[in-house]
Amino acid sequence: MFEQIKHNMETISGIEIYPILSLLIFFFFFVGLGFWVFSYRKDKIQEMSSIPLDEGLVVITKDR
């Protein structure tokens, strides 16, 4: 079965670019995600981390 798939893939012209594009998309996504995480403001992270423990916080929900 693998031989049939391999043969079909070899006969398609220009298919060798797809693994390269997939790797580049994967790489740049995670580099961008890492940059976003490490550049996030520390005071905002502290504020968000204390939200579950804050008893004075009132959550208002709308009924639909």
PDB file of N, CA and C in Angstrom:
ATOM      1  N   MET A   1       0.821  -1.187   0.000  1.00  0.00           N
ATOM      2  CA  MET A   1       0.000   0.000   0.000  1.00  0.00           C
ATOM      3  C   MET A   1       0.872   1.260   0.000  1.00  0.00           C
ATOM      4  N   PHE A   2       1.944   1.242   0.789  1.00  0.00           N
ATOM      5  CA  PHE A   2       2.835   2.398   0.829  1.00  0.00           C
ATOM      6  C   PHE A   2       3.491   2.624  -0.522  1.00  0.00           C
ATOM      7  N   GLU A   3       3.758   1.562  -1.237  1.00  0.00           N
ATOM      8  CA  GLU A   3       4.380   1.697  -2.562  1.00  0.00           C
ATOM      9  C   GLU A   3       3.446   2.419  -3.529  1.00  0.00           C
ATOM     10  N   GLN A   4       2.150   2.152  -3.437  1.00  0.00           N
ATOM     11  CA  GLN A   4       1.192   2.841  -4.305  1.00  0.00           C
ATOM     12  C   GLN A   4       1.144   4.333  -3.986  1.00  0.00           C
ATOM     13  N   ILE A   5       1.130   4.654  -2.701  1.00  0.00           N
ATOM     14  CA  ILE A   5       1.106   6.063  -2.296  1.00  0.00           C
ATOM     15  C   ILE A   5       2.390   6.750  -2.730  1.00  0.00           C
ATOM     16  N   LYS A   6       3.514   6.068  -2.520  1.00  0.00           N
ATOM     17  CA  LYS A   6       4.807   6.638  -2.898  1.00  0.00           C
ATOM     18  C   LYS A   6       4.866   6.879  -4.409  1.00  0.00           C
ATOM     19  N   HIS A   7       4.373   5.928  -5.182  1.00  0.00           N
ATOM     20  CA  HIS A   7       4.374   6.078  -6.637  1.00  0.00           C
ATOM     21  C   HIS A   7       3.484   7.250  -7.059  1.00  0.00           C
ATOM     22  N   ASN A   8       2.304   7.366  -6.451  1.00  0.00           N
ATOM     23  CA  ASN A   8       1.400   8.473  -6.785  1.00  0.00           C
ATOM     24  C   ASN A   8       2.019   9.816  -6.436  1.00  0.00           C
ATOM     25  N   MET A   9       2.697   9.887  -5.313  1.00  0.00           N
ATOM     26  CA  MET A   9       3.322  11.146  -4.899  1.00  0.00           C
ATOM     27  C   MET A   9       4.494  11.518  -5.813  1.00  0.00           C
ATOM     28  N   GLU A  10       5.201  10.538  -6.316  1.00  0.00           N
ATOM     29  CA  GLU A  10       6.333  10.813  -7.201  1.00  0.00           C
ATOM     30  C   GLU A  10       5.886  11.324  -8.565  1.00  0.00           C
ATOM     31  N   THR A  11       4.677  10.970  -8.973  1.00  0.00           N
ATOM     32  CA  THR A  11       4.211  11.374 -10.298  1.00  0.00           C
ATOM     33  C   THR A  11       3.592  12.772 -10.317  1.00  0.00           C
ATOM     34  N   ILE A  12       3.313  13.347  -9.156  1.00  0.00           N
ATOM     35  CA  ILE A  12       2.725  14.689  -9.094  1.00  0.00           C
ATOM     36  C   ILE A  12       3.853  15.708  -9.153  1.00  0.00           C
ATOM     37  N   SER A  13       3.794  16.585 -10.128  1.00  0.00           N
ATOM     38  CA  SER A  13       4.864  17.577 -10.259  1.00  0.00           C
ATOM     39  C   SER A  13       4.639  18.731  -9.283  1.00  0.00           C
ATOM     40  N   GLY A  14       5.698  19.183  -8.672  1.00  0.00           N
ATOM     41  CA  GLY A  14       5.640  20.313  -7.754  1.00  0.00           C
ATOM     42  C   GLY A  14       5.176  19.985  -6.357  1.00  0.00           C
ATOM     43  N   ILE A  15       5.046  18.702  -6.035  1.00  0.00           N
ATOM     44  CA  ILE A  15       4.534  18.333  -4.713  1.00  0.00           C
ATOM     45  C   ILE A  15       5.592  18.484  -3.620  1.00  0.00           C
ATOM     46  N   GLU A  16       6.847  18.590  -3.998  1.00  0.00           N
ATOM     47  CA  GLU A  16       7.905  18.660  -2.986  1.00  0.00           C
ATOM     48  C   GLU A  16       7.882  19.961  -2.193  1.00  0.00           C
ATOM     49  N   ILE A  17       7.124  20.941  -2.633  1.00  0.00           N
ATOM     50  CA  ILE A  17       7.050  22.215  -1.917  1.00  0.00           C
ATOM     51  C   ILE A  17       6.128  22.131  -0.698  1.00  0.00           C
ATOM     52  N   TYR A  18       5.166  21.219  -0.682  1.00  0.00           N
ATOM     53  CA  TYR A  18       4.194  21.145   0.406  1.00  0.00           C
ATOM     54  C   TYR A  18       4.808  20.792   1.759  1.00  0.00           C
ATOM     55  N   PRO A  19       5.702  19.834   1.864  1.00  0.00           N
ATOM     56  CA  PRO A  19       6.321  19.596   3.182  1.00  0.00           C
ATOM     57  C   PRO A  19       7.147  20.783   3.665  1.00  0.00           C
ATOM     58  N   ILE A  20       7.786  21.481   2.752  1.00  0.00           N
ATOM     59  CA  ILE A  20       8.580  22.650   3.132  1.00  0.00           C
ATOM     60  C   ILE A  20       7.664  23.756   3.643  1.00  0.00           C
ATOM     61  N   LEU A  21       6.567  23.998   2.940  1.00  0.00           N
ATOM     62  CA  LEU A  21       5.609  25.017   3.380  1.00  0.00           C
ATOM     63  C   LEU A  21       4.987  24.657   4.727  1.00  0.00           C
ATOM     64  N   SER A  22       4.670  23.392   4.919  1.00  0.00           N
ATOM     65  CA  SER A  22       4.094  22.958   6.189  1.00  0.00           C
ATOM     66  C   SER A  22       5.063  23.193   7.336  1.00  0.00           C
ATOM     67  N   LEU A  23       6.322  22.870   7.125  1.00  0.00           N
ATOM     68  CA  LEU A  23       7.332  23.084   8.157  1.00  0.00           C
ATOM     69  C   LEU A  23       7.505  24.570   8.460  1.00  0.00           C
ATOM     70  N   LEU A  24       7.519  25.402   7.427  1.00  0.00           N
ATOM     71  CA  LEU A  24       7.678  26.843   7.639  1.00  0.00           C
ATOM     72  C   LEU A  24       6.485  27.444   8.376  1.00  0.00           C
ATOM     73  N   ILE A  25       5.276  27.030   8.027  1.00  0.00           N
ATOM     74  CA  ILE A  25       4.088  27.521   8.726  1.00  0.00           C
ATOM     75  C   ILE A  25       4.131  27.101  10.189  1.00  0.00           C
ATOM     76  N   PHE A  26       4.454  25.842  10.447  1.00  0.00           N
ATOM     77  CA  PHE A  26       4.565  25.326  11.809  1.00  0.00           C
ATOM     78  C   PHE A  26       5.610  26.106  12.593  1.00  0.00           C
ATOM     79  N   PHE A  27       6.776  26.314  12.009  1.00  0.00           N
ATOM     80  CA  PHE A  27       7.880  26.989  12.681  1.00  0.00           C
ATOM     81  C   PHE A  27       7.529  28.442  13.002  1.00  0.00           C
ATOM     82  N   PHE A  28       7.039  29.177  12.013  1.00  0.00           N
ATOM     83  CA  PHE A  28       6.736  30.587  12.235  1.00  0.00           C
ATOM     84  C   PHE A  28       5.557  30.791  13.181  1.00  0.00           C
ATOM     85  N   PHE A  29       4.599  29.881  13.175  1.00  0.00           N
ATOM     86  CA  PHE A  29       3.490  29.976  14.122  1.00  0.00           C
ATOM     87  C   PHE A  29       3.998  29.881  15.551  1.00  0.00           C
ATOM     88  N   PHE A  30       4.834  28.887  15.837  1.00  0.00           N
ATOM     89  CA  PHE A  30       5.304  28.714  17.202  1.00  0.00           C
ATOM     90  C   PHE A  30       6.352  29.743  17.601  1.00  0.00           C
ATOM     91  N   VAL A  31       7.128  30.249  16.682  1.00  0.00           N
ATOM     92  CA  VAL A  31       8.040  31.354  16.993  1.00  0.00           C
ATOM     93  C   VAL A  31       7.223  32.600  17.329  1.00  0.00           C
ATOM     94  N   GLY A  32       6.191  32.876  16.547  1.00  0.00           N
ATOM     95  CA  GLY A  32       5.318  34.018  16.831  1.00  0.00           C
ATOM     96  C   GLY A  32       4.588  33.865  18.150  1.00  0.00           C
ATOM     97  N   LEU A  33       4.118  32.665  18.438  1.00  0.00           N
ATOM     98  CA  LEU A  33       3.441  32.403  19.701  1.00  0.00           C
ATOM     99  C   LEU A  33       4.394  32.592  20.876  1.00  0.00           C
ATOM    100  N   GLY A  34       5.616  32.106  20.740  1.00  0.00           N
ATOM    101  CA  GLY A  34       6.616  32.292  21.794  1.00  0.00           C
ATOM    102  C   GLY A  34       6.949  33.757  21.997  1.00  0.00           C
ATOM    103  N   PHE A  35       7.089  34.488  20.910  1.00  0.00           N
ATOM    104  CA  PHE A  35       7.360  35.924  21.008  1.00  0.00           C
ATOM    105  C   PHE A  35       6.217  36.641  21.709  1.00  0.00           C
ATOM    106  N   TRP A  36       4.977  36.286  21.368  1.00  0.00           N
ATOM    107  CA  TRP A  36       3.811  36.907  21.991  1.00  0.00           C
ATOM    108  C   TRP A  36       3.759  36.609  23.490  1.00  0.00           C
ATOM    109  N   VAL A  37       4.037  35.371  23.870  1.00  0.00           N
ATOM    110  CA  VAL A  37       3.991  34.987  25.282  1.00  0.00           C
ATOM    111  C   VAL A  37       5.071  35.708  26.078  1.00  0.00           C
ATOM    112  N   PHE A  38       6.290  35.742  25.567  1.00  0.00           N
ATOM    113  CA  PHE A  38       7.378  36.347  26.324  1.00  0.00           C
ATOM    114  C   PHE A  38       7.363  37.872  26.285  1.00  0.00           C
ATOM    115  N   SER A  39       6.623  38.467  25.376  1.00  0.00           N
ATOM    116  CA  SER A  39       6.549  39.924  25.334  1.00  0.00           C
ATOM    117  C   SER A  39       5.314  40.460  26.056  1.00  0.00           C
ATOM    118  N   TYR A  40       4.494  39.572  26.600  1.00  0.00           N
ATOM    119  CA  TYR A  40       3.293  39.999  27.308  1.00  0.00           C
ATOM    120  C   TYR A  40       3.686  40.722  28.586  1.00  0.00           C
ATOM    121  N   ARG A  41       2.951  41.749  28.942  1.00  0.00           N
ATOM    122  CA  ARG A  41       3.280  42.551  30.128  1.00  0.00           C
ATOM    123  C   ARG A  41       3.106  41.729  31.404  1.00  0.00           C
ATOM    124  N   LYS A  42       4.083  41.821  32.290  1.00  0.00           N
ATOM    125  CA  LYS A  42       4.071  41.028  33.523  1.00  0.00           C
ATOM    126  C   LYS A  42       2.949  41.469  34.464  1.00  0.00           C
ATOM    127  N   ASP A  43       2.639  42.760  34.507  1.00  0.00           N
ATOM    128  CA  ASP A  43       1.564  43.211  35.390  1.00  0.00           C
ATOM    129  C   ASP A  43       0.203  42.694  34.924  1.00  0.00           C
ATOM    130  N   LYS A  44       0.014  42.570  33.629  1.00  0.00           N
ATOM    131  CA  LYS A  44      -1.240  42.018  33.105  1.00  0.00           C
ATOM    132  C   LYS A  44      -1.359  40.528  33.441  1.00  0.00           C
ATOM    133  N   ILE A  45      -0.255  39.809  33.395  1.00  0.00           N
ATOM    134  CA  ILE A  45      -0.261  38.390  33.758  1.00  0.00           C
ATOM    135  C   ILE A  45      -0.599  38.231  35.234  1.00  0.00           C
ATOM    136  N   GLN A  46      -0.025  39.081  36.088  1.00  0.00           N
ATOM    137  CA  GLN A  46      -0.329  39.026  37.520  1.00  0.00           C
ATOM    138  C   GLN A  46      -1.803  39.339  37.766  1.00  0.00           C
ATOM    139  N   GLU A  47      -2.332  40.315  37.061  1.00  0.00           N
ATOM    140  CA  GLU A  47      -3.740  40.679  37.217  1.00  0.00           C
ATOM    141  C   GLU A  47      -4.651  39.523  36.813  1.00  0.00           C
ATOM    142  N   MET A  48      -4.360  38.887  35.699  1.00  0.00           N
ATOM    143  CA  MET A  48      -5.191  37.774  35.237  1.00  0.00           C
ATOM    144  C   MET A  48      -5.056  36.555  36.136  1.00  0.00           C
ATOM    145  N   SER A  49      -3.876  36.340  36.720  1.00  0.00           N
ATOM    146  CA  SER A  49      -3.690  35.168  37.574  1.00  0.00           C
ATOM    147  C   SER A  49      -4.412  35.314  38.904  1.00  0.00           C
ATOM    148  N   SER A  50      -4.710  36.539  39.327  1.00  0.00           N
ATOM    149  CA  SER A  50      -5.413  36.729  40.595  1.00  0.00           C
ATOM    150  C   SER A  50      -6.930  36.771  40.427  1.00  0.00           C
ATOM    151  N   ILE A  51      -7.434  36.765  39.232  1.00  0.00           N
ATOM    152  CA  ILE A  51      -8.882  36.839  38.997  1.00  0.00           C
ATOM    153  C   ILE A  51      -9.644  35.670  39.634  1.00  0.00           C
ATOM    154  N   PRO A  52      -9.192  34.420  39.530  1.00  0.00           N
ATOM    155  CA  PRO A  52      -9.966  33.333  40.145  1.00  0.00           C
ATOM    156  C   PRO A  52     -10.034  33.424  41.669  1.00  0.00           C
ATOM    157  N   LEU A  53      -9.099  34.097  42.302  1.00  0.00           N
ATOM    158  CA  LEU A  53      -9.069  34.186  43.756  1.00  0.00           C
ATOM    159  C   LEU A  53      -9.744  35.443  44.287  1.00  0.00           C
ATOM    160  N   ASP A  54     -10.128  36.349  43.421  1.00  0.00           N
ATOM    161  CA  ASP A  54     -10.723  37.616  43.826  1.00  0.00           C
ATOM    162  C   ASP A  54     -12.197  37.409  44.143  1.00  0.00           C
ATOM    163  N   GLU A  55     -12.560  37.541  45.436  1.00  0.00           N
ATOM    164  CA  GLU A  55     -13.949  37.340  45.838  1.00  0.00           C
ATOM    165  C   GLU A  55     -14.793  38.586  45.631  1.00  0.00           C
ATOM    166  N   GLY A  56     -14.177  39.728  45.461  1.00  0.00           N
ATOM    167  CA  GLY A  56     -14.916  40.969  45.286  1.00  0.00           C
ATOM    168  C   GLY A  56     -15.368  41.193  43.857  1.00  0.00           C
ATOM    169  N   LEU A  57     -14.972  40.315  42.968  1.00  0.00           N
ATOM    170  CA  LEU A  57     -15.319  40.469  41.564  1.00  0.00           C
ATOM    171  C   LEU A  57     -16.762  40.042  41.330  1.00  0.00           C
ATOM    172  N   VAL A  58     -17.534  40.907  40.722  1.00  0.00           N
ATOM    173  CA  VAL A  58     -18.928  40.614  40.420  1.00  0.00           C
ATOM    174  C   VAL A  58     -19.039  40.357  38.927  1.00  0.00           C
ATOM    175  N   VAL A  59     -19.601  39.216  38.584  1.00  0.00           N
ATOM    176  CA  VAL A  59     -19.779  38.858  37.185  1.00  0.00           C
ATOM    177  C   VAL A  59     -21.242  39.055  36.825  1.00  0.00           C
ATOM    178  N   ILE A  60     -21.487  39.864  35.827  1.00  0.00           N
ATOM    179  CA  ILE A  60     -22.848  40.136  35.373  1.00  0.00           C
ATOM    180  C   ILE A  60     -23.065  39.380  34.068  1.00  0.00           C
ATOM    181  N   THR A  61     -24.100  38.563  34.052  1.00  0.00           N
ATOM    182  CA  THR A  61     -24.424  37.815  32.840  1.00  0.00           C
ATOM    183  C   THR A  61     -25.792  38.252  32.338  1.00  0.00           C
ATOM    184  N   LYS A  62     -25.959  38.205  31.053  1.00  0.00           N
ATOM    185  CA  LYS A  62     -27.239  38.554  30.439  1.00  0.00           C
ATOM    186  C   LYS A  62     -27.989  37.273  30.096  1.00  0.00           C
ATOM    187  N   ASP A  63     -29.276  37.285  30.371  1.00  0.00           N
ATOM    188  CA  ASP A  63     -30.116  36.165  29.951  1.00  0.00           C
ATOM    189  C   ASP A  63     -30.595  36.435  28.540  1.00  0.00           C
ATOM    190  N   ARG A  64     -30.542  35.427  27.736  1.00  0.00           N
ATOM    191  CA  ARG A  64     -30.984  35.584  26.349  1.00  0.00           C
ATOM    192  C   ARG A  64     -32.298  34.907  26.144  1.00  0.00           C
TER     193      ARG A  64
END
